[in-house]
Amino acid sequence: MKYLSGLLIGFVFFLTNIQAQEKGVLSFTGARYANEGIAARAIEIKVDGSYLLSNRVSLNKEIEVKLINPSGLTETNKMVFAAAELSYLSAGGAILAQSPNILKDFETKGISLGTIKELSVKLALKPEIIKAEQSCVVKIRFYDLKGKGQLKVEIPISIARPREPILLSKTVNELKVPAPATGWAVGVKMKNVVITVDTTIRVNPKMAYASIDMSNIEGSTLAEVLSGRESYWVYDENGNEIKMTDKQLKQVGGAMENNQVNYLSKLPFRPKTVSGKTYFVRFRWESPDRRKLIDIVAKLQ
């Protein structure tokens, strides 16, 4: 497939640290990843050179997926030999298209260990691949040609309507969140984020809640935060989404004179009786004009 290709080598700043986690969920797109011998300092997903802020993408757009500072590749004479398998799947799991290695140009000559700061693949949402599907899943498996290591990235894609604006941003702000959580924002900053598990909520006394306490949010107003849109998702330890019917609880306050806002969100994510299992809880807030957003992923038990 001539439109399935690409590798870039360079340096850019990272979007989300993934070395400490073997599996996880990314902010903004809800993409899932699994580190199985190959790790990266970060994964970035871009369209038109900007960060993709949702999973809605137009047909004929090119998506770029980057591994920043990849590690775990087998060294041979100061060279590494990376490959990338690409698959397009329908919402029902049927294979729409597949390529065993879209980095084939580097299969024999390899990449100098001293210059590999980033692995980048580019893929296009061609109508002849997607056909009449309203959504699809893009799977990329980075793997080692000289070893057994691999890193899998799975991106759920919702096909945007013609002329529908795609949410993109040239820059994003990293939030101060406790590890192993990750948090990113566009248009706003905040002083601190505290994430805990709350089992004292009486609205639904059978559920444990993820408590996300965001203090001193700057760049927005109390009225804007209150009128924004909130969403949250819960995933099991393998990144499979768990459908939740309970609503989030929230408490929003702040000082009118300095436009600093405090936002406490409580998200039900598991029954209290369940223990020893890992969950990923993703919280997202968008301003009414969708120009500002907060996207936090917490790893909890």
Foldseek 3Di string as FASTA:
>chain_A
DVQWADWDFDADDADAAPPVDQWDADAQFRKIKGWFQKHARHKAKDWPLFGFRYQEDAAFTKIKIKGFQMDRFDDDPQFFAKFKKKFKAAPVGHTLDIDGGNHVVCRPVGHGNVTHRMTMIMHGRHCSRCPPGQKIKMKMWMAGPVDGTIMIIITIHGYDDPPDDGDTDRDKAWAAEDPPKTKIKFQKYFDHWYWDWDQPDPVPNFFIKIKIKTWFIPRAAQVQQVPKDKDKWKAWPNSHTDDDDDDKDKDKDDDRVRRTIIIIIIGTHGTPVDDDTKMKMWMKIAGPVRRIMMIMIDIDD
